[in-house]
């Protein structure tokens, strides 16, 4: 049995992917029957003879995702979602953000609200659309500038929107953010710190 993960075609918007397992019938000429599963639960064959069947795992559009949905996902599901999503366009304007610390656990939502109120509220692009600043502290002070562009992700080598601090900030020069569009208006981001994956976050295009 072999598995293959196919990317969702980019049609300008992103939807919540679900995993669909297509199994071939043993009868000659029979059409495959789709069986739907969540990304974290891919079924194994119930019968010994089914083990020889070719199976393909696809990611197909489903309902729109929210920040709450992402907080409930674990690291594996967020990684699969990020890998299967298009880069999307470079977002503009004020972008409310959510940190995803300990994703999939009950404390993720508590920490997200605490961080948003006291530490980090999101990002806001500058007039050129080629750079942004972070909204820091309870008052959302605009500081810590980064450049915006499309680039290849360190996660899988495919396109992403890069938020790059290495030439614009002394305090955050070791940080690299990568985001992809996982639902209409919703970007999932991965934080790299000293070339190591450190955290997940979201940005909302208003």
C-alpha atoms as a PDB file:
ATOM      1  CA  UNK A   1       0.000   0.000   0.000  1.00  0.00           C
ATOM      2  CA  UNK A   2       1.313   3.443  -0.905  1.00  0.00           C
ATOM      3  CA  UNK A   3       0.093   6.891   0.087  1.00  0.00           C
ATOM      4  CA  UNK A   4       0.542  10.146  -1.789  1.00  0.00           C
ATOM      5  CA  UNK A   5      -0.468  13.649  -0.692  1.00  0.00           C
ATOM      6  CA  UNK A   6      -1.622  15.866  -3.544  1.00  0.00           C
ATOM      7  CA  UNK A   7      -1.764  19.679  -3.291  1.00  0.00           C
ATOM      8  CA  UNK A   8      -4.995  21.605  -3.625  1.00  0.00           C
ATOM      9  CA  UNK A   9      -5.131  23.605  -6.877  1.00  0.00           C
ATOM     10  CA  UNK A  10      -5.008  27.329  -6.218  1.00  0.00           C
ATOM     11  CA  UNK A  11      -8.261  28.899  -7.485  1.00  0.00           C
ATOM     12  CA  UNK A  12      -7.746  32.186  -5.682  1.00  0.00           C
ATOM     13  CA  UNK A  13      -9.325  31.071  -2.400  1.00  0.00           C
ATOM     14  CA  UNK A  14      -8.489  28.352   0.047  1.00  0.00           C
ATOM     15  CA  UNK A  15     -10.828  26.024   1.847  1.00  0.00           C
ATOM     16  CA  UNK A  16     -10.424  23.642   4.750  1.00  0.00           C
ATOM     17  CA  UNK A  17      -8.856  20.492   3.327  1.00  0.00           C
ATOM     18  CA  UNK A  18     -10.027  17.086   4.364  1.00  0.00           C
ATOM     19  CA  UNK A  19      -8.371  13.773   3.614  1.00  0.00           C
ATOM     20  CA  UNK A  20     -10.155  11.501   1.167  1.00  0.00           C
ATOM     21  CA  UNK A  21      -8.965   7.916   0.747  1.00  0.00           C
ATOM     22  CA  UNK A  22      -9.800   6.382  -2.613  1.00  0.00           C
ATOM     23  CA  UNK A  23      -9.787   2.591  -2.565  1.00  0.00           C
ATOM     24  CA  UNK A  24      -9.976   0.424  -5.704  1.00  0.00           C
ATOM     25  CA  UNK A  25     -12.564  -2.333  -5.908  1.00  0.00           C
ATOM     26  CA  UNK A  26     -11.087  -5.786  -6.607  1.00  0.00           C
ATOM     27  CA  UNK A  27     -13.600  -6.387  -9.417  1.00  0.00           C
ATOM     28  CA  UNK A  28     -12.222  -5.628 -12.917  1.00  0.00           C
ATOM     29  CA  UNK A  29     -13.497  -2.299 -14.253  1.00  0.00           C
ATOM     30  CA  UNK A  30     -15.168  -1.269 -11.010  1.00  0.00           C
ATOM     31  CA  UNK A  31     -15.006   2.442 -10.137  1.00  0.00           C
ATOM     32  CA  UNK A  32     -13.256   3.484  -6.910  1.00  0.00           C
ATOM     33  CA  UNK A  33     -15.464   4.477  -4.014  1.00  0.00           C
ATOM     34  CA  UNK A  34     -14.341   7.526  -1.971  1.00  0.00           C
ATOM     35  CA  UNK A  35     -14.160   7.314   1.806  1.00  0.00           C
ATOM     36  CA  UNK A  36     -13.676  10.536   3.770  1.00  0.00           C
ATOM     37  CA  UNK A  37     -11.454  10.845   6.819  1.00  0.00           C
ATOM     38  CA  UNK A  38      -9.959  13.649   8.880  1.00  0.00           C
ATOM     39  CA  UNK A  39      -6.240  14.439   8.367  1.00  0.00           C
ATOM     40  CA  UNK A  40      -5.307  12.775  11.668  1.00  0.00           C
ATOM     41  CA  UNK A  41      -7.261   9.559  11.025  1.00  0.00           C
ATOM     42  CA  UNK A  42      -6.411   7.689   7.857  1.00  0.00           C
ATOM     43  CA  UNK A  43      -8.040   4.285   7.985  1.00  0.00           C
ATOM     44  CA  UNK A  44      -6.119   1.056   7.484  1.00  0.00           C
ATOM     45  CA  UNK A  45      -7.590  -1.877   5.480  1.00  0.00           C
ATOM     46  CA  UNK A  46     -10.139  -3.980   7.373  1.00  0.00           C
ATOM     47  CA  UNK A  47      -9.469  -7.120   5.309  1.00  0.00           C
ATOM     48  CA  UNK A  48      -6.099  -8.717   4.481  1.00  0.00           C
ATOM     49  CA  UNK A  49      -6.809  -8.706   0.751  1.00  0.00           C
ATOM     50  CA  UNK A  50      -7.383  -4.928   0.862  1.00  0.00           C
ATOM     51  CA  UNK A  51      -3.720  -4.383   1.707  1.00  0.00           C
ATOM     52  CA  UNK A  52      -2.723  -4.938  -1.930  1.00  0.00           C
ATOM     53  CA  UNK A  53      -5.030  -2.200  -3.196  1.00  0.00           C
ATOM     54  CA  UNK A  54      -3.552   1.092  -4.369  1.00  0.00           C
ATOM     55  CA  UNK A  55      -4.713   4.005  -2.260  1.00  0.00           C
ATOM     56  CA  UNK A  56      -4.253   7.737  -2.738  1.00  0.00           C
ATOM     57  CA  UNK A  57      -4.718  10.418  -0.101  1.00  0.00           C
ATOM     58  CA  UNK A  58      -6.112  13.654  -1.530  1.00  0.00           C
ATOM     59  CA  UNK A  59      -6.779  17.020   0.065  1.00  0.00           C
ATOM     60  CA  UNK A  60      -9.999  18.520  -1.226  1.00  0.00           C
ATOM     61  CA  UNK A  61     -11.890  21.732  -0.347  1.00  0.00           C
ATOM     62  CA  UNK A  62     -14.332  21.694   2.543  1.00  0.00           C
ATOM     63  CA  UNK A  63     -15.877  24.339   4.822  1.00  0.00           C
ATOM     64  CA  UNK A  64     -14.094  27.593   5.650  1.00  0.00           C
ATOM     65  CA  UNK A  65     -11.743  27.536   8.620  1.00  0.00           C
ATOM     66  CA  UNK A  66     -11.618  29.921  11.560  1.00  0.00           C
ATOM     67  CA  UNK A  67      -8.930  30.730  14.115  1.00  0.00           C
ATOM     68  CA  UNK A  68     -10.813  28.583  16.596  1.00  0.00           C
ATOM     69  CA  UNK A  69     -10.578  25.607  14.257  1.00  0.00           C
ATOM     70  CA  UNK A  70      -6.815  26.044  13.985  1.00  0.00           C
ATOM     71  CA  UNK A  71      -6.398  26.250  17.766  1.00  0.00           C
ATOM     72  CA  UNK A  72      -8.041  22.837  18.019  1.00  0.00           C
ATOM     73  CA  UNK A  73      -5.619  21.240  15.553  1.00  0.00           C
ATOM     74  CA  UNK A  74      -2.400  19.594  16.713  1.00  0.00           C
ATOM     75  CA  UNK A  75       1.036  20.235  15.250  1.00  0.00           C
ATOM     76  CA  UNK A  76       0.705  17.416  12.709  1.00  0.00           C
ATOM     77  CA  UNK A  77      -2.606  18.688  11.393  1.00  0.00           C
ATOM     78  CA  UNK A  78      -1.316  22.269  11.166  1.00  0.00           C
ATOM     79  CA  UNK A  79       1.749  21.030   9.307  1.00  0.00           C
ATOM     80  CA  UNK A  80      -0.403  19.084   6.834  1.00  0.00           C
ATOM     81  CA  UNK A  81      -2.686  22.084   6.379  1.00  0.00           C
ATOM     82  CA  UNK A  82       0.243  24.413   5.742  1.00  0.00           C
ATOM     83  CA  UNK A  83       1.839  22.040   3.231  1.00  0.00           C
ATOM     84  CA  UNK A  84      -1.425  21.572   1.311  1.00  0.00           C
ATOM     85  CA  UNK A  85      -2.351  25.274   1.090  1.00  0.00           C
ATOM     86  CA  UNK A  86      -1.468  27.873  -1.576  1.00  0.00           C
ATOM     87  CA  UNK A  87       0.691  30.890  -0.830  1.00  0.00           C
ATOM     88  CA  UNK A  88      -2.124  33.296  -1.649  1.00  0.00           C
ATOM     89  CA  UNK A  89      -1.622  36.965  -2.340  1.00  0.00           C
ATOM     90  CA  UNK A  90       0.371  39.266  -0.088  1.00  0.00           C
ATOM     91  CA  UNK A  91      -2.111  40.533   2.515  1.00  0.00           C
ATOM     92  CA  UNK A  92      -2.620  44.264   3.060  1.00  0.00           C
ATOM     93  CA  UNK A  93      -3.894  46.576   5.761  1.00  0.00           C
ATOM     94  CA  UNK A  94      -4.369  45.784   9.411  1.00  0.00           C
ATOM     95  CA  UNK A  95      -4.005  42.036  10.015  1.00  0.00           C
ATOM     96  CA  UNK A  96      -5.273  40.838  13.417  1.00  0.00           C
ATOM     97  CA  UNK A  97      -3.149  37.948  14.616  1.00  0.00           C
ATOM     98  CA  UNK A  98      -3.487  34.930  16.878  1.00  0.00           C
ATOM     99  CA  UNK A  99      -0.655  32.935  18.417  1.00  0.00           C
ATOM    100  CA  UNK A 100      -1.032  29.149  18.421  1.00  0.00           C
ATOM    101  CA  UNK A 101       0.961  27.968  21.445  1.00  0.00           C
ATOM    102  CA  UNK A 102       0.482  24.317  22.423  1.00  0.00           C
ATOM    103  CA  UNK A 103      -2.032  23.832  19.572  1.00  0.00           C
ATOM    104  CA  UNK A 104      -4.637  21.154  20.060  1.00  0.00           C
ATOM    105  CA  UNK A 105      -4.722  21.598  23.846  1.00  0.00           C
ATOM    106  CA  UNK A 106      -7.196  23.486  26.042  1.00  0.00           C
ATOM    107  CA  UNK A 107      -4.558  26.025  27.044  1.00  0.00           C
ATOM    108  CA  UNK A 108      -4.000  27.190  23.448  1.00  0.00           C
ATOM    109  CA  UNK A 109      -7.092  29.420  23.503  1.00  0.00           C
ATOM    110  CA  UNK A 110      -6.235  30.863  26.915  1.00  0.00           C
ATOM    111  CA  UNK A 111      -2.695  31.744  25.845  1.00  0.00           C
ATOM    112  CA  UNK A 112      -3.914  33.175  22.529  1.00  0.00           C
ATOM    113  CA  UNK A 113      -6.221  35.632  24.324  1.00  0.00           C
ATOM    114  CA  UNK A 114      -3.554  36.552  26.877  1.00  0.00           C
ATOM    115  CA  UNK A 115      -0.865  37.178  24.264  1.00  0.00           C
ATOM    116  CA  UNK A 116      -3.261  39.221  22.118  1.00  0.00           C
ATOM    117  CA  UNK A 117      -4.188  41.516  25.002  1.00  0.00           C
ATOM    118  CA  UNK A 118      -0.705  42.041  26.415  1.00  0.00           C
ATOM    119  CA  UNK A 119       2.019  41.206  23.890  1.00  0.00           C
ATOM    120  CA  UNK A 120       1.156  40.908  20.187  1.00  0.00           C
ATOM    121  CA  UNK A 121      -2.021  41.913  18.348  1.00  0.00           C
ATOM    122  CA  UNK A 122      -1.022  41.171  14.755  1.00  0.00           C
ATOM    123  CA  UNK A 123       0.639  43.064  11.918  1.00  0.00           C
ATOM    124  CA  UNK A 124      -0.090  46.053   9.685  1.00  0.00           C
ATOM    125  CA  UNK A 125       1.312  46.614   6.213  1.00  0.00           C
ATOM    126  CA  UNK A 126       2.861  49.919   5.191  1.00  0.00           C
ATOM    127  CA  UNK A 127       1.640  52.081   2.293  1.00  0.00           C
ATOM    128  CA  UNK A 128       3.969  50.440  -0.238  1.00  0.00           C
ATOM    129  CA  UNK A 129       2.510  47.013   0.476  1.00  0.00           C
ATOM    130  CA  UNK A 130       6.041  45.599   0.476  1.00  0.00           C
ATOM    131  CA  UNK A 131       6.655  45.804   4.207  1.00  0.00           C
ATOM    132  CA  UNK A 132       4.818  45.661   7.517  1.00  0.00           C
ATOM    133  CA  UNK A 133       5.169  46.344  11.200  1.00  0.00           C
ATOM    134  CA  UNK A 134       4.052  44.327  14.187  1.00  0.00           C
ATOM    135  CA  UNK A 135       1.378  45.568  16.570  1.00  0.00           C
ATOM    136  CA  UNK A 136       3.021  45.226  19.977  1.00  0.00           C
ATOM    137  CA  UNK A 137       1.658  45.621  23.494  1.00  0.00           C
ATOM    138  CA  UNK A 138      -1.806  46.467  24.849  1.00  0.00           C
ATOM    139  CA  UNK A 139      -1.924  49.638  22.716  1.00  0.00           C
ATOM    140  CA  UNK A 140      -0.875  47.920  19.485  1.00  0.00           C
ATOM    141  CA  UNK A 141       2.246  50.028  18.936  1.00  0.00           C
ATOM    142  CA  UNK A 142       3.549  49.700  15.376  1.00  0.00           C
ATOM    143  CA  UNK A 143       7.156  48.486  15.546  1.00  0.00           C
ATOM    144  CA  UNK A 144       9.586  45.764  14.361  1.00  0.00           C
ATOM    145  CA  UNK A 145       9.541  46.141  10.594  1.00  0.00           C
ATOM    146  CA  UNK A 146       9.782  43.300   8.060  1.00  0.00           C
ATOM    147  CA  UNK A 147       9.810  42.965   4.273  1.00  0.00           C
ATOM    148  CA  UNK A 148       7.061  41.150   2.340  1.00  0.00           C
ATOM    149  CA  UNK A 149       7.568  38.982  -0.736  1.00  0.00           C
ATOM    150  CA  UNK A 150       6.823  35.603  -2.240  1.00  0.00           C
ATOM    151  CA  UNK A 151       9.553  33.040  -1.675  1.00  0.00           C
ATOM    152  CA  UNK A 152      10.103  29.335  -1.225  1.00  0.00           C
ATOM    153  CA  UNK A 153       9.169  27.941   2.160  1.00  0.00           C
ATOM    154  CA  UNK A 154      11.718  26.236   4.361  1.00  0.00           C
ATOM    155  CA  UNK A 155       8.962  23.754   5.236  1.00  0.00           C
ATOM    156  CA  UNK A 156       8.614  22.097   1.825  1.00  0.00           C
ATOM    157  CA  UNK A 157      10.266  24.275  -0.838  1.00  0.00           C
ATOM    158  CA  UNK A 158       6.963  25.485  -2.308  1.00  0.00           C
ATOM    159  CA  UNK A 159       5.771  29.098  -2.557  1.00  0.00           C
ATOM    160  CA  UNK A 160       4.739  31.062   0.513  1.00  0.00           C
ATOM    161  CA  UNK A 161       4.419  34.694   1.563  1.00  0.00           C
ATOM    162  CA  UNK A 162       7.669  35.547   3.340  1.00  0.00           C
ATOM    163  CA  UNK A 163       7.854  38.038   6.211  1.00  0.00           C
ATOM    164  CA  UNK A 164      11.579  38.702   6.487  1.00  0.00           C
ATOM    165  CA  UNK A 165      13.257  40.576   9.352  1.00  0.00           C
ATOM    166  CA  UNK A 166      16.923  39.893   8.656  1.00  0.00           C
ATOM    167  CA  UNK A 167      17.702  43.279   7.043  1.00  0.00           C
ATOM    168  CA  UNK A 168      15.113  45.458   8.776  1.00  0.00           C
ATOM    169  CA  UNK A 169      15.329  44.700  12.495  1.00  0.00           C
ATOM    170  CA  UNK A 170      18.191  44.334  14.944  1.00  0.00           C
ATOM    171  CA  UNK A 171      16.052  42.740  17.631  1.00  0.00           C
ATOM    172  CA  UNK A 172      14.311  40.258  15.285  1.00  0.00           C
ATOM    173  CA  UNK A 173      16.953  39.626  12.602  1.00  0.00           C
ATOM    174  CA  UNK A 174      16.933  35.910  13.502  1.00  0.00           C
ATOM    175  CA  UNK A 175      13.184  35.598  12.845  1.00  0.00           C
ATOM    176  CA  UNK A 176      11.583  34.422   9.600  1.00  0.00           C
ATOM    177  CA  UNK A 177       7.798  34.169   9.236  1.00  0.00           C
ATOM    178  CA  UNK A 178       6.123  32.219   6.422  1.00  0.00           C
ATOM    179  CA  UNK A 179       2.380  32.334   5.768  1.00  0.00           C
ATOM    180  CA  UNK A 180      -0.064  30.561   3.454  1.00  0.00           C
ATOM    181  CA  UNK A 181      -3.742  31.090   2.732  1.00  0.00           C
ATOM    182  CA  UNK A 182      -5.684  28.275   4.399  1.00  0.00           C
ATOM    183  CA  UNK A 183      -9.192  29.760   4.151  1.00  0.00           C
ATOM    184  CA  UNK A 184     -10.694  32.905   2.606  1.00  0.00           C
ATOM    185  CA  UNK A 185      -8.980  35.803   4.382  1.00  0.00           C
ATOM    186  CA  UNK A 186      -7.169  33.534   6.862  1.00  0.00           C
ATOM    187  CA  UNK A 187      -3.418  32.894   6.741  1.00  0.00           C
ATOM    188  CA  UNK A 188      -1.580  30.245   8.744  1.00  0.00           C
ATOM    189  CA  UNK A 189       1.980  31.190   9.632  1.00  0.00           C
ATOM    190  CA  UNK A 190       5.054  29.357  10.850  1.00  0.00           C
ATOM    191  CA  UNK A 191       7.770  31.142  12.831  1.00  0.00           C
ATOM    192  CA  UNK A 192      11.423  30.246  12.270  1.00  0.00           C
ATOM    193  CA  UNK A 193      13.870  31.259  14.997  1.00  0.00           C
ATOM    194  CA  UNK A 194      17.570  30.758  14.245  1.00  0.00           C
ATOM    195  CA  UNK A 195      16.521  28.461  11.370  1.00  0.00           C
ATOM    196  CA  UNK A 196      14.410  26.273  13.664  1.00  0.00           C
ATOM    197  CA  UNK A 197      10.643  26.040  13.648  1.00  0.00           C
ATOM    198  CA  UNK A 198       9.429  27.749  16.804  1.00  0.00           C
ATOM    199  CA  UNK A 199       5.676  28.458  16.679  1.00  0.00           C
ATOM    200  CA  UNK A 200       2.448  28.820  14.678  1.00  0.00           C
ATOM    201  CA  UNK A 201       0.292  31.918  14.274  1.00  0.00           C
ATOM    202  CA  UNK A 202      -2.555  33.255  12.156  1.00  0.00           C
ATOM    203  CA  UNK A 203      -3.226  36.531  10.345  1.00  0.00           C
ATOM    204  CA  UNK A 204      -6.688  37.679   9.272  1.00  0.00           C
ATOM    205  CA  UNK A 205      -7.125  39.803   6.126  1.00  0.00           C
ATOM    206  CA  UNK A 206      -9.978  42.191   6.949  1.00  0.00           C
END
